[in-house]
Amino acid sequence: MDDLKILAVDDSPTMRRFIVNTLRHAGYLDVTEATDGKDALAKMAIDKYNFIITDWNMPGMDGIALVKHLRSKQETKKIPVLMVTRRSVKEDIMEALRAGVNNYVVKPFTHGTIKEKIDQTLANL
C-alpha cells in the first residue's frame, strides 16, 4: 500500500532500524521513527500518519499510554496500531487489546510476520 504513512515507535535504535528495514523490504517506504510515546505525539502534531507500530516498554510514555491517548482523541482514535513487544503472556496481550491495539506481534519477529500483521490489521478495519 503506497499511501500508508507509518510511524514506528521504539526506544531501541536497533529495533527501530530493524522495523524500518522490514517495512521497506515489504514495500512500505513512508516510515518515520519516534523514540517513545511523547516523541510520537510530538511528530503526530506536525504530520499525519495512518498506521502506528509501537513498542510497549519505553521510558517517557510507554506504548499502552500512547494507545490510550490516541484512542481518547477524535482525530486519532481510528488510526490502526500494531504493538510490537517482547511481552507475550496472555494477560499482557489482553491488556493491549483492551487499550485499543488493533494487532500484536511478539519480538523477535520475521519480515513476513510484520507484513502479515499489517495486512491483517488493514483488512480488519
PDB file of N, CA and C in Angstrom:
ATOM      1  N   MET A   1       0.850  -1.188   0.000  1.00  0.00           N
ATOM      2  CA  MET A   1       0.000   0.000   0.000  1.00  0.00           C
ATOM      3  C   MET A   1       0.882   1.234   0.000  1.00  0.00           C
ATOM      4  N   ASP A   2       0.947   1.917  -1.120  1.00  0.00           N
ATOM      5  CA  ASP A   2       1.845   3.048  -1.296  1.00  0.00           C
ATOM      6  C   ASP A   2       1.484   4.250  -0.431  1.00  0.00           C
ATOM      7  N   ASP A   3       0.221   4.420  -0.109  1.00  0.00           N
ATOM      8  CA  ASP A   3      -0.197   5.604   0.625  1.00  0.00           C
ATOM      9  C   ASP A   3      -0.167   5.415   2.140  1.00  0.00           C
ATOM     10  N   LEU A   4       0.375   4.312   2.621  1.00  0.00           N
ATOM     11  CA  LEU A   4       0.458   4.077   4.056  1.00  0.00           C
ATOM     12  C   LEU A   4       1.623   4.880   4.625  1.00  0.00           C
ATOM     13  N   LYS A   5       1.313   5.778   5.551  1.00  0.00           N
ATOM     14  CA  LYS A   5       2.324   6.614   6.211  1.00  0.00           C
ATOM     15  C   LYS A   5       2.451   6.090   7.643  1.00  0.00           C
ATOM     16  N   ILE A   6       3.573   5.442   7.921  1.00  0.00           N
ATOM     17  CA  ILE A   6       3.754   4.698   9.167  1.00  0.00           C
ATOM     18  C   ILE A   6       4.649   5.457  10.131  1.00  0.00           C
ATOM     19  N   LEU A   7       4.258   5.441  11.410  1.00  0.00           N
ATOM     20  CA  LEU A   7       5.097   5.954  12.489  1.00  0.00           C
ATOM     21  C   LEU A   7       5.547   4.756  13.310  1.00  0.00           C
ATOM     22  N   ALA A   8       6.861   4.520  13.366  1.00  0.00           N
ATOM     23  CA  ALA A   8       7.440   3.401  14.119  1.00  0.00           C
ATOM     24  C   ALA A   8       8.003   3.940  15.427  1.00  0.00           C
ATOM     25  N   VAL A   9       7.446   3.453  16.548  1.00  0.00           N
ATOM     26  CA  VAL A   9       7.785   3.985  17.865  1.00  0.00           C
ATOM     27  C   VAL A   9       8.467   2.907  18.697  1.00  0.00           C
ATOM     28  N   ASP A  10       9.749   3.119  19.016  1.00  0.00           N
ATOM     29  CA  ASP A  10      10.509   2.165  19.832  1.00  0.00           C
ATOM     30  C   ASP A  10      11.704   2.905  20.405  1.00  0.00           C
ATOM     31  N   ASP A  11      12.021   2.659  21.678  1.00  0.00           N
ATOM     32  CA  ASP A  11      13.140   3.348  22.304  1.00  0.00           C
ATOM     33  C   ASP A  11      14.493   2.770  21.872  1.00  0.00           C
ATOM     34  N   SER A  12      14.510   1.588  21.284  1.00  0.00           N
ATOM     35  CA  SER A  12      15.751   0.964  20.852  1.00  0.00           C
ATOM     36  C   SER A  12      16.074   1.359  19.407  1.00  0.00           C
ATOM     37  N   PRO A  13      17.203   2.064  19.189  1.00  0.00           N
ATOM     38  CA  PRO A  13      17.587   2.418  17.818  1.00  0.00           C
ATOM     39  C   PRO A  13      17.753   1.177  16.931  1.00  0.00           C
ATOM     40  N   THR A  14      18.272   0.093  17.504  1.00  0.00           N
ATOM     41  CA  THR A  14      18.454  -1.146  16.744  1.00  0.00           C
ATOM     42  C   THR A  14      17.115  -1.709  16.300  1.00  0.00           C
ATOM     43  N   MET A  15      16.135  -1.723  17.196  1.00  0.00           N
ATOM     44  CA  MET A  15      14.815  -2.256  16.845  1.00  0.00           C
ATOM     45  C   MET A  15      14.117  -1.341  15.838  1.00  0.00           C
ATOM     46  N   ARG A  16      14.243  -0.033  16.000  1.00  0.00           N
ATOM     47  CA  ARG A  16      13.653   0.891  15.015  1.00  0.00           C
ATOM     48  C   ARG A  16      14.247   0.647  13.630  1.00  0.00           C
ATOM     49  N   ARG A  17      15.570   0.486  13.568  1.00  0.00           N
ATOM     50  CA  ARG A  17      16.231   0.230  12.291  1.00  0.00           C
ATOM     51  C   ARG A  17      15.713  -1.071  11.678  1.00  0.00           C
ATOM     52  N   PHE A  18      15.557  -2.114  12.513  1.00  0.00           N
ATOM     53  CA  PHE A  18      15.045  -3.392  12.028  1.00  0.00           C
ATOM     54  C   PHE A  18      13.615  -3.243  11.504  1.00  0.00           C
ATOM     55  N   ILE A  19      12.783  -2.528  12.247  1.00  0.00           N
ATOM     56  CA  ILE A  19      11.384  -2.320  11.826  1.00  0.00           C
ATOM     57  C   ILE A  19      11.339  -1.541  10.507  1.00  0.00           C
ATOM     58  N   VAL A  20      12.115  -0.463  10.406  1.00  0.00           N
ATOM     59  CA  VAL A  20      12.136   0.341   9.184  1.00  0.00           C
ATOM     60  C   VAL A  20      12.609  -0.506   8.002  1.00  0.00           C
ATOM     61  N   ASN A  21      13.684  -1.253   8.186  1.00  0.00           N
ATOM     62  CA  ASN A  21      14.195  -2.110   7.111  1.00  0.00           C
ATOM     63  C   ASN A  21      13.178  -3.179   6.725  1.00  0.00           C
ATOM     64  N   THR A  22      12.512  -3.752   7.717  1.00  0.00           N
ATOM     65  CA  THR A  22      11.477  -4.754   7.461  1.00  0.00           C
ATOM     66  C   THR A  22      10.335  -4.145   6.656  1.00  0.00           C
ATOM     67  N   LEU A  23       9.905  -2.957   7.055  1.00  0.00           N
ATOM     68  CA  LEU A  23       8.814  -2.282   6.354  1.00  0.00           C
ATOM     69  C   LEU A  23       9.211  -1.940   4.916  1.00  0.00           C
ATOM     70  N   ARG A  24      10.407  -1.447   4.741  1.00  0.00           N
ATOM     71  CA  ARG A  24      10.865  -1.111   3.381  1.00  0.00           C
ATOM     72  C   ARG A  24      10.947  -2.362   2.518  1.00  0.00           C
ATOM     73  N   HIS A  25      11.445  -3.447   3.110  1.00  0.00           N
ATOM     74  CA  HIS A  25      11.520  -4.733   2.397  1.00  0.00           C
ATOM     75  C   HIS A  25      10.121  -5.188   1.964  1.00  0.00           C
ATOM     76  N   ALA A  26       9.121  -4.855   2.771  1.00  0.00           N
ATOM     77  CA  ALA A  26       7.733  -5.242   2.476  1.00  0.00           C
ATOM     78  C   ALA A  26       7.037  -4.240   1.546  1.00  0.00           C
ATOM     79  N   GLY A  27       7.740  -3.171   1.174  1.00  0.00           N
ATOM     80  CA  GLY A  27       7.161  -2.206   0.247  1.00  0.00           C
ATOM     81  C   GLY A  27       6.587  -0.956   0.883  1.00  0.00           C
ATOM     82  N   TYR A  28       6.725  -0.816   2.189  1.00  0.00           N
ATOM     83  CA  TYR A  28       6.241   0.380   2.891  1.00  0.00           C
ATOM     84  C   TYR A  28       7.414   1.348   3.029  1.00  0.00           C
ATOM     85  N   LEU A  29       7.410   2.412   2.244  1.00  0.00           N
ATOM     86  CA  LEU A  29       8.566   3.297   2.179  1.00  0.00           C
ATOM     87  C   LEU A  29       8.429   4.569   2.999  1.00  0.00           C
ATOM     88  N   ASP A  30       7.205   4.964   3.331  1.00  0.00           N
ATOM     89  CA  ASP A  30       6.978   6.210   4.057  1.00  0.00           C
ATOM     90  C   ASP A  30       6.891   5.918   5.558  1.00  0.00           C
ATOM     91  N   VAL A  31       8.070   5.837   6.191  1.00  0.00           N
ATOM     92  CA  VAL A  31       8.158   5.463   7.606  1.00  0.00           C
ATOM     93  C   VAL A  31       8.938   6.531   8.359  1.00  0.00           C
ATOM     94  N   THR A  32       8.375   6.987   9.464  1.00  0.00           N
ATOM     95  CA  THR A  32       9.029   7.940  10.357  1.00  0.00           C
ATOM     96  C   THR A  32       9.277   7.239  11.681  1.00  0.00           C
ATOM     97  N   GLU A  33      10.379   7.575  12.337  1.00  0.00           N
ATOM     98  CA  GLU A  33      10.729   6.956  13.610  1.00  0.00           C
ATOM     99  C   GLU A  33      10.457   7.911  14.778  1.00  0.00           C
ATOM    100  N   ALA A  34      10.047   7.318  15.915  1.00  0.00           N
ATOM    101  CA  ALA A  34       9.887   8.069  17.162  1.00  0.00           C
ATOM    102  C   ALA A  34      10.489   7.230  18.288  1.00  0.00           C
ATOM    103  N   THR A  35      11.042   7.902  19.299  1.00  0.00           N
ATOM    104  CA  THR A  35      11.776   7.205  20.355  1.00  0.00           C
ATOM    105  C   THR A  35      10.918   6.759  21.539  1.00  0.00           C
ATOM    106  N   ASP A  36       9.730   7.328  21.680  1.00  0.00           N
ATOM    107  CA  ASP A  36       8.798   6.911  22.732  1.00  0.00           C
ATOM    108  C   ASP A  36       7.443   7.553  22.442  1.00  0.00           C
ATOM    109  N   GLY A  37       6.485   7.330  23.309  1.00  0.00           N
ATOM    110  CA  GLY A  37       5.145   7.861  23.088  1.00  0.00           C
ATOM    111  C   GLY A  37       5.095   9.378  22.993  1.00  0.00           C
ATOM    112  N   LYS A  38       5.863  10.061  23.838  1.00  0.00           N
ATOM    113  CA  LYS A  38       5.872  11.530  23.799  1.00  0.00           C
ATOM    114  C   LYS A  38       6.432  12.037  22.476  1.00  0.00           C
ATOM    115  N   ASP A  39       7.500  11.413  22.014  1.00  0.00           N
ATOM    116  CA  ASP A  39       8.085  11.784  20.726  1.00  0.00           C
ATOM    117  C   ASP A  39       7.089  11.501  19.600  1.00  0.00           C
ATOM    118  N   ALA A  40       6.385  10.386  19.701  1.00  0.00           N
ATOM    119  CA  ALA A  40       5.374  10.037  18.694  1.00  0.00           C
ATOM    120  C   ALA A  40       4.286  11.108  18.636  1.00  0.00           C
ATOM    121  N   LEU A  41       3.777  11.521  19.791  1.00  0.00           N
ATOM    122  CA  LEU A  41       2.721  12.540  19.822  1.00  0.00           C
ATOM    123  C   LEU A  41       3.221  13.873  19.262  1.00  0.00           C
ATOM    124  N   ALA A  42       4.468  14.215  19.548  1.00  0.00           N
ATOM    125  CA  ALA A  42       5.044  15.453  19.016  1.00  0.00           C
ATOM    126  C   ALA A  42       5.113  15.383  17.489  1.00  0.00           C
ATOM    127  N   LYS A  43       5.502  14.242  16.954  1.00  0.00           N
ATOM    128  CA  LYS A  43       5.581  14.089  15.495  1.00  0.00           C
ATOM    129  C   LYS A  43       4.184  14.069  14.882  1.00  0.00           C
ATOM    130  N   MET A  44       3.218  13.497  15.597  1.00  0.00           N
ATOM    131  CA  MET A  44       1.842  13.453  15.104  1.00  0.00           C
ATOM    132  C   MET A  44       1.190  14.831  15.130  1.00  0.00           C
ATOM    133  N   ALA A  45       1.693  15.741  15.956  1.00  0.00           N
ATOM    134  CA  ALA A  45       1.166  17.109  15.991  1.00  0.00           C
ATOM    135  C   ALA A  45       1.614  17.890  14.752  1.00  0.00           C
ATOM    136  N   ILE A  46       2.701  17.443  14.129  1.00  0.00           N
ATOM    137  CA  ILE A  46       3.263  18.121  12.957  1.00  0.00           C
ATOM    138  C   ILE A  46       2.815  17.470  11.655  1.00  0.00           C
ATOM    139  N   ASP A  47       2.701  16.135  11.667  1.00  0.00           N
ATOM    140  CA  ASP A  47       2.404  15.389  10.451  1.00  0.00           C
ATOM    141  C   ASP A  47       1.315  14.356  10.724  1.00  0.00           C
ATOM    142  N   LYS A  48       0.649  13.915   9.671  1.00  0.00           N
ATOM    143  CA  LYS A  48      -0.429  12.925   9.799  1.00  0.00           C
ATOM    144  C   LYS A  48       0.109  11.540   9.442  1.00  0.00           C
ATOM    145  N   TYR A  49      -0.234  10.549  10.234  1.00  0.00           N
ATOM    146  CA  TYR A  49       0.148   9.159   9.993  1.00  0.00           C
ATOM    147  C   TYR A  49      -1.124   8.331   9.953  1.00  0.00           C
ATOM    148  N   ASN A  50      -1.122   7.279   9.141  1.00  0.00           N
ATOM    149  CA  ASN A  50      -2.312   6.432   9.082  1.00  0.00           C
ATOM    150  C   ASN A  50      -2.047   5.003   9.514  1.00  0.00           C
ATOM    151  N   PHE A  51      -0.889   4.782  10.177  1.00  0.00           N
ATOM    152  CA  PHE A  51      -0.604   3.485  10.792  1.00  0.00           C
ATOM    153  C   PHE A  51       0.497   3.697  11.811  1.00  0.00           C
ATOM    154  N   ILE A  52       0.315   3.116  13.006  1.00  0.00           N
ATOM    155  CA  ILE A  52       1.310   3.241  14.080  1.00  0.00           C
ATOM    156  C   ILE A  52       1.795   1.843  14.448  1.00  0.00           C
ATOM    157  N   ILE A  53       3.116   1.697  14.549  1.00  0.00           N
ATOM    158  CA  ILE A  53       3.721   0.485  15.094  1.00  0.00           C
ATOM    159  C   ILE A  53       4.462   0.934  16.338  1.00  0.00           C
ATOM    160  N   THR A  54       4.106   0.352  17.484  1.00  0.00           N
ATOM    161  CA  THR A  54       4.722   0.802  18.729  1.00  0.00           C
ATOM    162  C   THR A  54       5.163  -0.347  19.618  1.00  0.00           C
ATOM    163  N   ASP A  55       6.258  -0.104  20.306  1.00  0.00           N
ATOM    164  CA  ASP A  55       6.721  -0.991  21.366  1.00  0.00           C
ATOM    165  C   ASP A  55       5.857  -0.726  22.598  1.00  0.00           C
ATOM    166  N   TRP A  56       5.877  -1.619  23.556  1.00  0.00           N
ATOM    167  CA  TRP A  56       5.150  -1.436  24.815  1.00  0.00           C
ATOM    168  C   TRP A  56       6.055  -0.723  25.818  1.00  0.00           C
ATOM    169  N   ASN A  57       7.196  -1.337  26.125  1.00  0.00           N
ATOM    170  CA  ASN A  57       8.075  -0.848  27.189  1.00  0.00           C
ATOM    171  C   ASN A  57       9.022   0.229  26.672  1.00  0.00           C
ATOM    172  N   MET A  58       8.728   1.470  27.067  1.00  0.00           N
ATOM    173  CA  MET A  58       9.575   2.601  26.692  1.00  0.00           C
ATOM    174  C   MET A  58       9.557   3.610  27.837  1.00  0.00           C
ATOM    175  N   PRO A  59      10.676   4.315  28.042  1.00  0.00           N
ATOM    176  CA  PRO A  59      10.669   5.382  29.056  1.00  0.00           C
ATOM    177  C   PRO A  59       9.860   6.570  28.528  1.00  0.00           C
ATOM    178  N   GLY A  60       9.550   7.491  29.395  1.00  0.00           N
ATOM    179  CA  GLY A  60       8.790   8.676  28.978  1.00  0.00           C
ATOM    180  C   GLY A  60       7.314   8.374  28.914  1.00  0.00           C
ATOM    181  N   MET A  61       6.887   7.782  27.806  1.00  0.00           N
ATOM    182  CA  MET A  61       5.497   7.351  27.645  1.00  0.00           C
ATOM    183  C   MET A  61       5.542   5.997  26.953  1.00  0.00           C
ATOM    184  N   ASP A  62       5.008   4.980  27.633  1.00  0.00           N
ATOM    185  CA  ASP A  62       5.044   3.644  27.039  1.00  0.00           C
ATOM    186  C   ASP A  62       3.954   3.458  25.984  1.00  0.00           C
ATOM    187  N   GLY A  63       3.986   2.314  25.321  1.00  0.00           N
ATOM    188  CA  GLY A  63       3.065   2.057  24.225  1.00  0.00           C
ATOM    189  C   GLY A  63       1.608   2.014  24.638  1.00  0.00           C
ATOM    190  N   ILE A  64       1.329   1.469  25.810  1.00  0.00           N
ATOM    191  CA  ILE A  64      -0.066   1.398  26.282  1.00  0.00           C
ATOM    192  C   ILE A  64      -0.605   2.808  26.531  1.00  0.00           C
ATOM    193  N   ALA A  65       0.208   3.654  27.174  1.00  0.00           N
ATOM    194  CA  ALA A  65      -0.221   5.043  27.416  1.00  0.00           C
ATOM    195  C   ALA A  65      -0.423   5.776  26.087  1.00  0.00           C
ATOM    196  N   LEU A  66       0.445   5.518  25.124  1.00  0.00           N
ATOM    197  CA  LEU A  66       0.302   6.134  23.801  1.00  0.00           C
ATOM    198  C   LEU A  66      -1.009   5.709  23.146  1.00  0.00           C
ATOM    199  N   VAL A  67      -1.291   4.420  23.168  1.00  0.00           N
ATOM    200  CA  VAL A  67      -2.519   3.913  22.538  1.00  0.00           C
ATOM    201  C   VAL A  67      -3.753   4.488  23.238  1.00  0.00           C
ATOM    202  N   LYS A  68      -3.757   4.515  24.550  1.00  0.00           N
ATOM    203  CA  LYS A  68      -4.898   5.082  25.280  1.00  0.00           C
ATOM    204  C   LYS A  68      -5.096   6.552  24.916  1.00  0.00           C
ATOM    205  N   HIS A  69      -3.991   7.281  24.791  1.00  0.00           N
ATOM    206  CA  HIS A  69      -4.084   8.692  24.398  1.00  0.00           C
ATOM    207  C   HIS A  69      -4.675   8.812  22.994  1.00  0.00           C
ATOM    208  N   LEU A  70      -4.161   8.013  22.061  1.00  0.00           N
ATOM    209  CA  LEU A  70      -4.672   8.056  20.688  1.00  0.00           C
ATOM    210  C   LEU A  70      -6.159   7.742  20.643  1.00  0.00           C
ATOM    211  N   ARG A  71      -6.589   6.745  21.393  1.00  0.00           N
ATOM    212  CA  ARG A  71      -7.991   6.323  21.385  1.00  0.00           C
ATOM    213  C   ARG A  71      -8.911   7.344  22.047  1.00  0.00           C
ATOM    214  N   SER A  72      -8.330   8.228  22.876  1.00  0.00           N
ATOM    215  CA  SER A  72      -9.152   9.232  23.572  1.00  0.00           C
ATOM    216  C   SER A  72      -9.409  10.484  22.740  1.00  0.00           C
ATOM    217  N   LYS A  73      -8.733  10.618  21.606  1.00  0.00           N
ATOM    218  CA  LYS A  73      -8.851  11.825  20.777  1.00  0.00           C
ATOM    219  C   LYS A  73      -9.601  11.521  19.485  1.00  0.00           C
ATOM    220  N   GLN A  74     -10.541  12.371  19.141  1.00  0.00           N
ATOM    221  CA  GLN A  74     -11.356  12.179  17.939  1.00  0.00           C
ATOM    222  C   GLN A  74     -10.504  12.021  16.678  1.00  0.00           C
ATOM    223  N   GLU A  75      -9.472  12.860  16.555  1.00  0.00           N
ATOM    224  CA  GLU A  75      -8.681  12.866  15.324  1.00  0.00           C
ATOM    225  C   GLU A  75      -7.727  11.678  15.182  1.00  0.00           C
ATOM    226  N   THR A  76      -7.472  10.935  16.269  1.00  0.00           N
ATOM    227  CA  THR A  76      -6.524   9.813  16.189  1.00  0.00           C
ATOM    228  C   THR A  76      -7.118   8.471  16.621  1.00  0.00           C
ATOM    229  N   LYS A  77      -8.376   8.466  17.045  1.00  0.00           N
ATOM    230  CA  LYS A  77      -8.913   7.242  17.637  1.00  0.00           C
ATOM    231  C   LYS A  77      -9.062   6.081  16.662  1.00  0.00           C
ATOM    232  N   LYS A  78      -9.095   6.362  15.358  1.00  0.00           N
ATOM    233  CA  LYS A  78      -9.280   5.282  14.383  1.00  0.00           C
ATOM    234  C   LYS A  78      -7.990   4.860  13.685  1.00  0.00           C
ATOM    235  N   ILE A  79      -6.862   5.475  14.034  1.00  0.00           N
ATOM    236  CA  ILE A  79      -5.589   5.087  13.420  1.00  0.00           C
ATOM    237  C   ILE A  79      -5.238   3.673  13.890  1.00  0.00           C
ATOM    238  N   PRO A  80      -4.987   2.752  12.953  1.00  0.00           N
ATOM    239  CA  PRO A  80      -4.634   1.394  13.356  1.00  0.00           C
ATOM    240  C   PRO A  80      -3.284   1.357  14.069  1.00  0.00           C
ATOM    241  N   VAL A  81      -3.217   0.542  15.125  1.00  0.00           N
ATOM    242  CA  VAL A  81      -1.994   0.410  15.918  1.00  0.00           C
ATOM    243  C   VAL A  81      -1.605  -1.065  16.010  1.00  0.00           C
ATOM    244  N   LEU A  82      -0.360  -1.328  15.646  1.00  0.00           N
ATOM    245  CA  LEU A  82       0.240  -2.652  15.787  1.00  0.00           C
ATOM    246  C   LEU A  82       1.258  -2.557  16.900  1.00  0.00           C
ATOM    247  N   MET A  83       1.083  -3.360  17.952  1.00  0.00           N
ATOM    248  CA  MET A  83       2.047  -3.365  19.041  1.00  0.00           C
ATOM    249  C   MET A  83       3.062  -4.461  18.792  1.00  0.00           C
ATOM    250  N   VAL A  84       4.342  -4.079  18.898  1.00  0.00           N
ATOM    251  CA  VAL A  84       5.456  -4.998  18.705  1.00  0.00           C
ATOM    252  C   VAL A  84       6.231  -5.003  20.016  1.00  0.00           C
ATOM    253  N   THR A  85       6.213  -6.139  20.726  1.00  0.00           N
ATOM    254  CA  THR A  85       6.782  -6.179  22.066  1.00  0.00           C
ATOM    255  C   THR A  85       7.291  -7.562  22.431  1.00  0.00           C
ATOM    256  N   ARG A  86       8.094  -7.615  23.464  1.00  0.00           N
ATOM    257  CA  ARG A  86       8.568  -8.914  23.993  1.00  0.00           C
ATOM    258  C   ARG A  86       7.540  -9.525  24.949  1.00  0.00           C
ATOM    259  N   ARG A  87       6.559  -8.750  25.354  1.00  0.00           N
ATOM    260  CA  ARG A  87       5.561  -9.223  26.319  1.00  0.00           C
ATOM    261  C   ARG A  87       4.619 -10.203  25.619  1.00  0.00           C
ATOM    262  N   SER A  88       4.649 -11.448  26.060  1.00  0.00           N
ATOM    263  CA  SER A  88       3.933 -12.493  25.323  1.00  0.00           C
ATOM    264  C   SER A  88       2.890 -13.251  26.138  1.00  0.00           C
ATOM    265  N   VAL A  89       2.733 -12.921  27.421  1.00  0.00           N
ATOM    266  CA  VAL A  89       1.735 -13.650  28.204  1.00  0.00           C
ATOM    267  C   VAL A  89       0.336 -13.164  27.847  1.00  0.00           C
ATOM    268  N   LYS A  90      -0.617 -14.051  27.959  1.00  0.00           N
ATOM    269  CA  LYS A  90      -1.992 -13.767  27.537  1.00  0.00           C
ATOM    270  C   LYS A  90      -2.550 -12.507  28.198  1.00  0.00           C
ATOM    271  N   GLU A  91      -2.272 -12.305  29.475  1.00  0.00           N
ATOM    272  CA  GLU A  91      -2.799 -11.148  30.196  1.00  0.00           C
ATOM    273  C   GLU A  91      -2.289  -9.840  29.577  1.00  0.00           C
ATOM    274  N   ASP A  92      -1.028  -9.823  29.157  1.00  0.00           N
ATOM    275  CA  ASP A  92      -0.474  -8.623  28.522  1.00  0.00           C
ATOM    276  C   ASP A  92      -1.154  -8.359  27.185  1.00  0.00           C
ATOM    277  N   ILE A  93      -1.335  -9.412  26.406  1.00  0.00           N
ATOM    278  CA  ILE A  93      -1.996  -9.265  25.108  1.00  0.00           C
ATOM    279  C   ILE A  93      -3.413  -8.738  25.299  1.00  0.00           C
ATOM    280  N   MET A  94      -4.122  -9.279  26.284  1.00  0.00           N
ATOM    281  CA  MET A  94      -5.486  -8.817  26.560  1.00  0.00           C
ATOM    282  C   MET A  94      -5.495  -7.355  27.010  1.00  0.00           C
ATOM    283  N   GLU A  95      -4.519  -6.956  27.832  1.00  0.00           N
ATOM    284  CA  GLU A  95      -4.432  -5.559  28.276  1.00  0.00           C
ATOM    285  C   GLU A  95      -4.218  -4.625  27.080  1.00  0.00           C
ATOM    286  N   ALA A  96      -3.342  -5.036  26.164  1.00  0.00           N
ATOM    287  CA  ALA A  96      -3.077  -4.223  24.979  1.00  0.00           C
ATOM    288  C   ALA A  96      -4.337  -4.098  24.119  1.00  0.00           C
ATOM    289  N   LEU A  97      -5.052  -5.186  23.938  1.00  0.00           N
ATOM    290  CA  LEU A  97      -6.283  -5.150  23.141  1.00  0.00           C
ATOM    291  C   LEU A  97      -7.339  -4.270  23.799  1.00  0.00           C
ATOM    292  N   ARG A  98      -7.456  -4.356  25.122  1.00  0.00           N
ATOM    293  CA  ARG A  98      -8.403  -3.500  25.849  1.00  0.00           C
ATOM    294  C   ARG A  98      -8.037  -2.026  25.706  1.00  0.00           C
ATOM    295  N   ALA A  99      -6.734  -1.738  25.636  1.00  0.00           N
ATOM    296  CA  ALA A  99      -6.280  -0.349  25.490  1.00  0.00           C
ATOM    297  C   ALA A  99      -6.600   0.195  24.097  1.00  0.00           C
ATOM    298  N   GLY A 100      -6.816  -0.708  23.126  1.00  0.00           N
ATOM    299  CA  GLY A 100      -7.186  -0.260  21.792  1.00  0.00           C
ATOM    300  C   GLY A 100      -6.233  -0.656  20.683  1.00  0.00           C
ATOM    301  N   VAL A 101      -5.269  -1.538  20.990  1.00  0.00           N
ATOM    302  CA  VAL A 101      -4.357  -2.022  19.954  1.00  0.00           C
ATOM    303  C   VAL A 101      -5.145  -2.861  18.955  1.00  0.00           C
ATOM    304  N   ASN A 102      -4.867  -2.692  17.666  1.00  0.00           N
ATOM    305  CA  ASN A 102      -5.558  -3.465  16.627  1.00  0.00           C
ATOM    306  C   ASN A 102      -4.946  -4.838  16.403  1.00  0.00           C
ATOM    307  N   ASN A 103      -3.627  -4.952  16.621  1.00  0.00           N
ATOM    308  CA  ASN A 103      -2.955  -6.223  16.430  1.00  0.00           C
ATOM    309  C   ASN A 103      -1.681  -6.224  17.259  1.00  0.00           C
ATOM    310  N   TYR A 104      -1.054  -7.399  17.387  1.00  0.00           N
ATOM    311  CA  TYR A 104       0.010  -7.607  18.359  1.00  0.00           C
ATOM    312  C   TYR A 104       1.044  -8.556  17.764  1.00  0.00           C
ATOM    313  N   VAL A 105       2.314  -8.205  17.853  1.00  0.00           N
ATOM    314  CA  VAL A 105       3.400  -9.072  17.406  1.00  0.00           C
ATOM    315  C   VAL A 105       4.397  -9.206  18.540  1.00  0.00           C
ATOM    316  N   VAL A 106       4.828 -10.444  18.790  1.00  0.00           N
ATOM    317  CA  VAL A 106       5.822 -10.690  19.834  1.00  0.00           C
ATOM    318  C   VAL A 106       7.214 -10.708  19.201  1.00  0.00           C
ATOM    319  N   LYS A 107       8.132  -9.937  19.795  1.00  0.00           N
ATOM    320  CA  LYS A 107       9.533  -9.933  19.361  1.00  0.00           C
ATOM    321  C   LYS A 107      10.193 -11.225  19.830  1.00  0.00           C
ATOM    322  N   PRO A 108      11.131 -11.759  19.107  1.00  0.00           N
ATOM    323  CA  PRO A 108      11.565 -11.353  17.778  1.00  0.00           C
ATOM    324  C   PRO A 108      10.568 -11.824  16.722  1.00  0.00           C
ATOM    325  N   PHE A 109      10.571 -11.155  15.586  1.00  0.00           N
ATOM    326  CA  PHE A 109       9.657 -11.499  14.506  1.00  0.00           C
ATOM    327  C   PHE A 109      10.417 -11.464  13.189  1.00  0.00           C
ATOM    328  N   THR A 110       9.804 -11.983  12.144  1.00  0.00           N
ATOM    329  CA  THR A 110      10.443 -12.017  10.826  1.00  0.00           C
ATOM    330  C   THR A 110       9.827 -10.948   9.925  1.00  0.00           C
ATOM    331  N   HIS A 111      10.470 -10.716   8.787  1.00  0.00           N
ATOM    332  CA  HIS A 111       9.927  -9.793   7.781  1.00  0.00           C
ATOM    333  C   HIS A 111       8.500 -10.200   7.407  1.00  0.00           C
ATOM    334  N   GLY A 112       8.310 -11.492   7.192  1.00  0.00           N
ATOM    335  CA  GLY A 112       6.996 -11.997   6.788  1.00  0.00           C
ATOM    336  C   GLY A 112       5.928 -11.768   7.824  1.00  0.00           C
ATOM    337  N   THR A 113       6.290 -11.935   9.091  1.00  0.00           N
ATOM    338  CA  THR A 113       5.319 -11.771  10.178  1.00  0.00           C
ATOM    339  C   THR A 113       4.813 -10.341  10.247  1.00  0.00           C
ATOM    340  N   ILE A 114       5.702  -9.376  10.167  1.00  0.00           N
ATOM    341  CA  ILE A 114       5.276  -7.980  10.293  1.00  0.00           C
ATOM    342  C   ILE A 114       4.391  -7.582   9.117  1.00  0.00           C
ATOM    343  N   LYS A 115       4.735  -8.003   7.916  1.00  0.00           N
ATOM    344  CA  LYS A 115       3.906  -7.716   6.733  1.00  0.00           C
ATOM    345  C   LYS A 115       2.533  -8.365   6.888  1.00  0.00           C
ATOM    346  N   GLU A 116       2.522  -9.614   7.338  1.00  0.00           N
ATOM    347  CA  GLU A 116       1.260 -10.335   7.538  1.00  0.00           C
ATOM    348  C   GLU A 116       0.374  -9.621   8.555  1.00  0.00           C
ATOM    349  N   LYS A 117       0.961  -9.153   9.656  1.00  0.00           N
ATOM    350  CA  LYS A 117       0.187  -8.471  10.697  1.00  0.00           C
ATOM    351  C   LYS A 117      -0.343  -7.119  10.213  1.00  0.00           C
ATOM    352  N   ILE A 118       0.455  -6.399   9.417  1.00  0.00           N
ATOM    353  CA  ILE A 118      -0.012  -5.133   8.859  1.00  0.00           C
ATOM    354  C   ILE A 118      -1.199  -5.403   7.919  1.00  0.00           C
ATOM    355  N   ASP A 119      -1.025  -6.364   7.017  1.00  0.00           N
ATOM    356  CA  ASP A 119      -2.096  -6.701   6.071  1.00  0.00           C
ATOM    357  C   ASP A 119      -3.352  -7.142   6.815  1.00  0.00           C
ATOM    358  N   GLN A 120      -3.186  -7.953   7.839  1.00  0.00           N
ATOM    359  CA  GLN A 120      -4.314  -8.453   8.642  1.00  0.00           C
ATOM    360  C   GLN A 120      -5.019  -7.286   9.335  1.00  0.00           C
ATOM    361  N   THR A 121      -4.242  -6.370   9.892  1.00  0.00           N
ATOM    362  CA  THR A 121      -4.806  -5.218  10.583  1.00  0.00           C
ATOM    363  C   THR A 121      -5.611  -4.347   9.621  1.00  0.00           C
ATOM    364  N   LEU A 122      -5.044  -4.076   8.457  1.00  0.00           N
ATOM    365  CA  LEU A 122      -5.725  -3.239   7.472  1.00  0.00           C
ATOM    366  C   LEU A 122      -6.998  -3.917   6.944  1.00  0.00           C
ATOM    367  N   ALA A 123      -6.954  -5.230   6.784  1.00  0.00           N
ATOM    368  CA  ALA A 123      -8.116  -5.977   6.281  1.00  0.00           C
ATOM    369  C   ALA A 123      -9.262  -5.961   7.289  1.00  0.00           C
ATOM    370  N   ASN A 124      -8.940  -5.825   8.566  1.00  0.00           N
ATOM    371  CA  ASN A 124      -9.969  -5.864   9.621  1.00  0.00           C
ATOM    372  C   ASN A 124     -10.525  -4.503   9.985  1.00  0.00           C
ATOM    373  N   LEU A 125     -10.116  -3.460   9.280  1.00  0.00           N
ATOM    374  CA  LEU A 125     -10.618  -2.108   9.601  1.00  0.00           C
ATOM    375  C   LEU A 125     -12.042  -1.916   9.097  1.00  0.00           C
TER     376      LEU A 125
END
